[in-house]
Amino acid sequence: MQDEYIKAIEKIQMDKDRKTEMRKILENEMASARTEVNETSAKKRAKTTKLSAGAKAGIAAAAIAVTMSVVFAIPSSRNAINAGIRAFFNKEVPQGATDMQTKESEDKKERVIPTDSVDPSVASEIESAVSSQDKAEEDYYKDVTVTADYYKDPELNKLANYYVQKNMNIMDLKKDAKYSDFYSQFKKMDWFSDGFFATYWVGGNADGHSGTITCFKATEKQMEGYLKNNHEIVNYEREQHNQKKVSFDKFWKKSTDSDGNTVYTAEWKGPEPEMKLNPSDCARFMTFKITYDAKNQIAIAHVEEGGGVG
């Protein structure tokens, strides 16, 4: 997501000096969203800063050209859906993880949209764009979020109930398929019959990372399709970071757990950013761990991603 933000900045039509100034302003703005603990209330809050007069043109252009959730450091679950992991068929949610829907709702309460230093007409346009995005996101969640009882398959129902009890919102894969996301171009292979996913965030806004837990019914052929789709995604990321593609067999490592389930693991790490403006700036990464129960034709995929600039 952060890499796409940089690409969007580069596409904005303005002179080089203004573009450089704007990028630095926005990167500093995003960095200022790190959480801090209030000494009197011990409540975590998102810090925000006001833009200088010199930032007017930059924030105005960027607010319209770049996804609002990136500009204002509000993580977007839509681009977390395809990303890696650490713990498995025990189904555990990573320690310290917060449900993404819950986090985004809390972030919006703390959010400060920097419109006080721009022309009123531009401020109105920014606020309208933010409001439009918020509405689209709310509509999406209303459409795809389901209850555990939505699933009649005993294995899916059991897993869905487990994650709901862990305070995770579960979203239906078939409902979500109606929406496009950044990696939709790589979802060429059929990979599931039914299932759901839950998204989460670990850490602060500036230095944390996102994760997705996907539970789905799949034949062995569909399981292969899931692996191929994600292999294509990683090779796309490698190309974007000037790295050579990796073969399918070299990317995925296959093993068997103590219960006889097939386990697939993989990871990718990009190069360190050439320009680091903030302590949290680091290499992009994606990690995967998928456990597949061939007997019941069910998979649990833990995927995490993070890093980047900003």
Protein backbone atom coordinates (compact mmCIF):
# COMPACT_ATOMS: atom_id res chain seq x y z
CA MET A 1 0.00 0.00 0.00
CA GLN A 2 2.77 2.40 0.93
CA ASP A 3 4.58 1.59 -2.31
CA GLU A 4 1.42 2.43 -4.25
CA TYR A 5 1.27 5.75 -2.40
CA ILE A 6 4.74 6.58 -3.70
CA LYS A 7 3.72 5.63 -7.25
CA ALA A 8 0.67 7.87 -7.01
CA ILE A 9 2.82 10.76 -5.84
CA GLU A 10 5.11 10.29 -8.85
CA LYS A 11 2.15 10.45 -11.26
CA ILE A 12 0.96 13.85 -10.03
CA GLN A 13 1.65 16.55 -12.61
CA MET A 14 3.72 19.31 -11.03
CA ASP A 15 7.31 20.49 -11.06
CA LYS A 16 9.96 18.28 -9.45
CA ASP A 17 10.71 20.59 -6.51
CA ARG A 18 7.04 20.87 -5.54
CA LYS A 19 6.58 17.11 -5.88
CA THR A 20 9.61 16.45 -3.63
CA GLU A 21 8.31 18.94 -1.08
CA MET A 22 4.86 17.37 -1.14
CA ARG A 23 6.20 13.85 -0.68
CA LYS A 24 8.28 14.87 2.33
CA ILE A 25 5.30 16.69 3.84
CA LEU A 26 3.04 13.68 3.49
CA GLU A 27 5.65 11.22 4.73
CA ASN A 28 6.17 13.36 7.82
CA GLU A 29 2.39 13.64 8.23
CA MET A 30 2.04 9.86 8.12
CA ALA A 31 4.94 9.36 10.51
CA SER A 32 3.28 11.69 13.00
CA ALA A 33 0.46 9.18 13.33
CA ARG A 34 2.52 6.95 15.64
CA THR A 35 0.65 6.16 18.80
CA GLU A 36 1.64 7.55 22.16
CA VAL A 37 0.42 6.90 25.69
CA ASN A 38 -1.07 9.82 27.57
CA GLU A 39 0.66 9.98 30.96
CA THR A 40 -2.51 10.90 32.81
CA SER A 41 -5.05 8.61 31.18
CA ALA A 42 -2.77 5.91 29.71
CA LYS A 43 -4.99 6.01 26.66
CA LYS A 44 -3.32 5.53 23.28
CA ARG A 45 -3.87 8.33 20.80
CA ALA A 46 -2.78 9.12 17.26
CA LYS A 47 -0.58 12.19 17.00
CA THR A 48 -1.29 14.59 14.16
CA THR A 49 0.46 17.70 12.97
CA LYS A 50 -0.74 20.78 11.11
CA LEU A 51 0.70 21.51 7.72
CA SER A 52 2.66 24.66 7.02
CA ALA A 53 1.53 27.24 4.48
CA GLY A 54 4.04 25.83 2.01
CA ALA A 55 2.18 22.54 2.01
CA LYS A 56 -1.08 23.91 0.62
CA ALA A 57 -0.57 22.89 -2.99
CA GLY A 58 0.95 19.58 -1.97
CA ILE A 59 -1.82 18.43 0.34
CA ALA A 60 -4.49 19.62 -2.06
CA ALA A 61 -3.08 17.60 -4.96
CA ALA A 62 -2.21 14.57 -2.88
CA ALA A 63 -5.54 14.44 -1.09
CA ILE A 64 -7.30 14.02 -4.41
CA ALA A 65 -4.71 11.82 -6.15
CA VAL A 66 -3.76 9.42 -3.36
CA THR A 67 -6.00 7.00 -1.46
CA MET A 68 -7.23 8.82 1.65
CA SER A 69 -6.50 5.92 3.96
CA VAL A 70 -2.82 6.11 3.00
CA VAL A 71 -2.53 9.88 3.29
CA PHE A 72 -4.00 9.93 6.77
CA ALA A 73 -2.29 6.77 7.96
CA ILE A 74 -5.48 4.77 8.34
CA PRO A 75 -4.69 1.16 7.39
CA SER A 76 -6.81 -0.28 4.59
CA SER A 77 -8.01 -3.85 4.91
CA ARG A 78 -8.75 -4.08 1.20
CA ASN A 79 -5.06 -4.43 0.38
CA ALA A 80 -4.28 -6.64 3.33
CA ILE A 81 -6.44 -9.44 2.05
CA ASN A 82 -3.71 -11.12 0.02
CA ALA A 83 -0.73 -10.95 2.29
CA GLY A 84 1.57 -13.90 5.52
CA ILE A 85 2.13 -15.70 9.11
CA ARG A 86 3.64 -17.06 12.25
CA ALA A 87 1.27 -19.39 14.13
CA PHE A 88 -0.98 -22.08 12.67
CA PHE A 89 -3.53 -24.90 12.57
CA ASN A 90 -3.96 -24.11 16.24
CA LYS A 91 -5.83 -21.18 14.63
CA GLU A 92 -4.40 -18.61 17.01
CA VAL A 93 -4.71 -14.88 16.33
CA PRO A 94 -1.26 -13.26 16.80
CA GLN A 95 -0.65 -11.76 20.22
CA GLY A 96 -1.38 -8.04 20.32
CA ALA A 97 -3.49 -8.15 17.15
CA THR A 98 -6.55 -5.89 16.78
CA ASP A 99 -9.41 -6.64 14.42
CA MET A 100 -8.98 -4.36 11.41
CA GLN A 101 -12.57 -3.16 11.29
CA THR A 102 -12.42 -2.27 14.98
CA LYS A 103 -9.10 -0.48 14.55
CA GLU A 104 -10.27 1.54 11.55
CA SER A 105 -13.35 2.67 13.48
CA GLU A 106 -11.19 3.77 16.41
CA ASP A 107 -8.70 5.53 14.11
CA LYS A 108 -11.48 7.56 12.53
CA LYS A 109 -12.53 8.86 15.95
CA GLU A 110 -8.97 10.08 16.57
CA ARG A 111 -8.37 11.28 13.02
CA VAL A 112 -7.58 14.90 12.23
CA ILE A 113 -7.99 15.83 8.58
CA PRO A 114 -5.54 18.71 7.87
CA THR A 115 -7.79 21.18 6.08
CA ASP A 116 -7.23 24.29 8.22
CA SER A 117 -4.22 25.45 6.16
CA VAL A 118 -5.77 25.21 2.69
CA ASP A 119 -8.25 27.25 0.70
CA PRO A 120 -11.88 26.68 1.87
CA SER A 121 -12.91 25.29 -1.52
CA VAL A 122 -10.00 22.82 -1.44
CA ALA A 123 -10.80 21.91 2.17
CA SER A 124 -14.37 21.15 1.14
CA GLU A 125 -13.10 18.93 -1.68
CA ILE A 126 -10.79 17.04 0.68
CA GLU A 127 -13.55 16.53 3.24
CA SER A 128 -15.91 15.34 0.51
CA ALA A 129 -13.34 12.84 -0.74
CA VAL A 130 -12.73 11.50 2.76
CA SER A 131 -16.47 11.25 3.44
CA SER A 132 -16.99 9.41 0.16
CA GLN A 133 -14.28 6.90 1.00
CA ASP A 134 -15.63 6.38 4.51
CA LYS A 135 -19.09 5.69 3.09
CA ALA A 136 -17.75 3.22 0.53
CA GLU A 137 -15.81 1.40 3.22
CA GLU A 138 -18.82 1.23 5.54
CA ASP A 139 -21.00 -0.11 2.72
CA TYR A 140 -18.38 -2.74 1.89
CA TYR A 141 -18.19 -3.97 5.48
CA LYS A 142 -21.98 -4.10 5.79
CA ASP A 143 -22.17 -6.21 2.66
CA VAL A 144 -19.40 -8.75 3.31
CA THR A 145 -19.41 -9.17 7.11
CA VAL A 146 -21.35 -12.23 8.26
CA THR A 147 -22.15 -14.15 11.45
CA ALA A 148 -20.65 -17.54 12.26
CA ASP A 149 -24.02 -19.24 11.66
CA TYR A 150 -23.84 -18.14 8.03
CA TYR A 151 -21.76 -21.27 7.41
CA LYS A 152 -23.55 -24.62 7.47
CA ASP A 153 -20.45 -26.67 6.78
CA PRO A 154 -19.46 -28.03 10.23
CA GLU A 155 -15.74 -27.30 9.84
CA LEU A 156 -16.25 -23.74 8.59
CA ASN A 157 -18.91 -23.11 11.23
CA LYS A 158 -16.57 -24.27 13.98
CA LEU A 159 -13.74 -22.05 12.74
CA ALA A 160 -16.05 -19.06 12.25
CA ASN A 161 -17.35 -19.34 15.81
CA TYR A 162 -13.79 -19.58 17.10
CA TYR A 163 -12.70 -16.31 15.48
CA VAL A 164 -15.89 -14.48 16.44
CA GLN A 165 -15.16 -15.46 20.06
CA LYS A 166 -11.71 -13.94 19.54
CA ASN A 167 -13.44 -10.60 18.75
CA MET A 168 -12.70 -10.84 15.05
CA ASN A 169 -15.14 -9.75 12.33
CA ILE A 170 -15.47 -12.44 9.67
CA MET A 171 -16.09 -11.60 6.02
CA ASP A 172 -17.46 -13.96 3.38
CA LEU A 173 -15.18 -14.81 0.47
CA LYS A 174 -17.99 -15.06 -2.09
CA LYS A 175 -19.42 -11.69 -1.08
CA ASP A 176 -15.96 -10.14 -1.16
CA ALA A 177 -15.34 -11.52 -4.66
CA LYS A 178 -17.72 -8.85 -6.01
CA TYR A 179 -15.19 -6.19 -5.08
CA SER A 180 -11.84 -5.63 -6.76
CA ASP A 181 -8.65 -5.05 -4.83
CA PHE A 182 -5.10 -4.18 -5.74
CA TYR A 183 -4.13 -7.81 -6.42
CA SER A 184 -7.34 -8.84 -8.23
CA GLN A 185 -5.46 -9.12 -11.52
CA PHE A 186 -3.57 -12.09 -10.10
CA LYS A 187 -6.59 -14.04 -8.88
CA LYS A 188 -6.76 -16.06 -12.08
CA MET A 189 -6.97 -19.55 -10.58
CA ASP A 190 -10.06 -20.99 -8.91
CA TRP A 191 -9.04 -21.47 -5.26
CA PHE A 192 -12.04 -21.96 -2.97
CA SER A 193 -15.56 -23.37 -2.75
CA ASP A 194 -16.68 -21.47 0.35
CA GLY A 195 -15.11 -19.66 3.26
CA PHE A 196 -14.33 -16.46 5.11
CA PHE A 197 -11.46 -14.23 6.15
CA ALA A 198 -10.63 -11.92 9.06
CA THR A 199 -8.11 -9.08 8.97
CA TYR A 200 -6.06 -7.62 11.80
CA TRP A 201 -3.39 -5.06 12.66
CA VAL A 202 -0.40 -5.48 14.97
CA GLY A 203 1.58 -2.51 16.33
CA GLY A 204 1.30 1.25 15.83
CA ASN A 205 -0.04 3.06 12.79
CA ALA A 206 3.41 3.96 11.47
CA ASP A 207 5.41 0.87 12.38
CA GLY A 208 2.83 -1.93 12.56
CA HIS A 209 1.80 -4.54 10.02
CA SER A 210 -1.39 -6.12 8.74
CA GLY A 211 -2.48 -9.72 8.58
CA THR A 212 -5.23 -11.89 7.17
CA ILE A 213 -6.55 -15.23 8.33
CA THR A 214 -8.48 -17.03 5.58
CA CYS A 215 -10.43 -20.25 6.23
CA PHE A 216 -11.78 -21.94 3.13
CA LYS A 217 -13.05 -25.18 1.63
CA ALA A 218 -10.90 -26.31 -1.30
CA THR A 219 -10.15 -29.38 -3.33
CA GLU A 220 -6.50 -30.22 -3.87
CA LYS A 221 -6.72 -28.59 -7.31
CA GLN A 222 -8.19 -25.42 -5.78
CA MET A 223 -5.46 -25.47 -3.12
CA GLU A 224 -2.91 -25.48 -5.94
CA GLY A 225 -4.76 -22.51 -7.45
CA TYR A 226 -4.46 -20.58 -4.18
CA LEU A 227 -0.71 -21.22 -4.09
CA LYS A 228 -0.28 -20.17 -7.74
CA ASN A 229 -2.21 -16.94 -7.22
CA ASN A 230 -0.03 -15.90 -4.29
CA HIS A 231 3.13 -16.93 -6.12
CA GLU A 232 2.15 -14.52 -8.91
CA ILE A 233 1.50 -11.77 -6.37
CA VAL A 234 4.95 -12.16 -4.84
CA ASN A 235 6.65 -12.19 -8.25
CA TYR A 236 4.82 -8.94 -9.06
CA GLU A 237 6.18 -7.41 -5.84
CA ARG A 238 9.66 -8.70 -6.64
CA GLU A 239 9.54 -7.04 -10.06
CA GLN A 240 8.37 -3.77 -8.51
CA HIS A 241 11.42 -3.90 -6.24
CA ASN A 242 13.88 -4.77 -9.05
CA GLN A 243 14.23 -8.38 -7.92
CA LYS A 244 14.23 -11.43 -10.18
CA LYS A 245 11.20 -13.70 -10.24
CA VAL A 246 11.33 -16.86 -8.16
CA SER A 247 10.03 -20.23 -9.36
CA PHE A 248 6.94 -21.80 -7.78
CA ASP A 249 8.90 -24.75 -6.35
CA LYS A 250 11.59 -22.56 -4.86
CA PHE A 251 9.08 -20.15 -3.33
CA TRP A 252 6.81 -22.62 -1.52
CA LYS A 253 8.22 -25.00 1.11
CA LYS A 254 6.04 -28.04 1.76
CA SER A 255 5.96 -30.15 4.94
CA THR A 256 3.58 -32.22 7.07
CA ASP A 257 2.52 -31.44 10.65
CA SER A 258 1.99 -33.94 13.49
CA ASP A 259 -1.67 -34.34 12.53
CA GLY A 260 -0.87 -35.28 8.95
CA ASN A 261 -1.93 -31.93 7.49
CA THR A 262 0.06 -30.47 4.61
CA VAL A 263 1.78 -27.19 5.51
CA TYR A 264 2.98 -24.63 2.96
CA THR A 265 5.24 -21.77 4.04
CA ALA A 266 6.88 -18.94 2.13
CA GLU A 267 8.23 -15.46 2.68
CA TRP A 268 9.46 -12.50 0.70
CA LYS A 269 11.45 -9.44 1.73
CA GLY A 270 12.20 -6.47 -0.48
CA PRO A 271 15.31 -4.30 -0.40
CA GLU A 272 15.74 -1.66 2.26
CA PRO A 273 14.38 1.75 1.15
CA GLU A 274 17.00 4.01 -0.41
CA MET A 275 15.64 7.00 1.51
CA LYS A 276 14.58 6.51 5.13
CA LEU A 277 12.89 9.57 6.61
CA ASN A 278 11.37 7.85 9.65
CA PRO A 279 12.67 5.26 12.15
CA SER A 280 9.89 2.88 11.07
CA ASP A 281 10.88 2.92 7.38
CA CYS A 282 12.04 -0.58 6.45
CA ALA A 283 11.93 -3.22 3.73
CA ARG A 284 8.54 -4.46 2.54
CA PHE A 285 7.76 -8.06 3.50
CA MET A 286 5.14 -10.75 3.03
CA THR A 287 4.99 -14.07 4.91
CA PHE A 288 2.70 -17.04 4.35
CA LYS A 289 1.72 -20.19 6.20
CA ILE A 290 -1.09 -22.39 4.96
CA THR A 291 -2.25 -25.59 6.62
CA TYR A 292 -4.37 -27.88 4.47
CA ASP A 293 -6.49 -30.74 5.80
CA ALA A 294 -6.97 -32.85 2.66
CA LYS A 295 -9.43 -35.25 4.35
CA ASN A 296 -11.90 -32.47 5.20
CA GLN A 297 -10.78 -30.30 2.26
CA ILE A 298 -10.27 -27.24 4.45
CA ALA A 299 -7.40 -24.76 4.66
CA ILE A 300 -6.37 -22.07 7.10
CA ALA A 301 -4.07 -19.46 5.60
CA HIS A 302 -2.23 -16.93 7.75
CA VAL A 303 -0.69 -14.10 5.76
CA GLU A 304 1.08 -10.98 7.01
CA GLU A 305 2.65 -7.99 5.28
CA GLY A 306 4.26 -4.74 6.29
CA GLY A 307 7.20 -2.43 5.84
CA GLY A 308 7.73 0.26 3.28
CA VAL A 309 8.16 4.03 3.48
CA GLY A 310 5.93 6.07 5.76
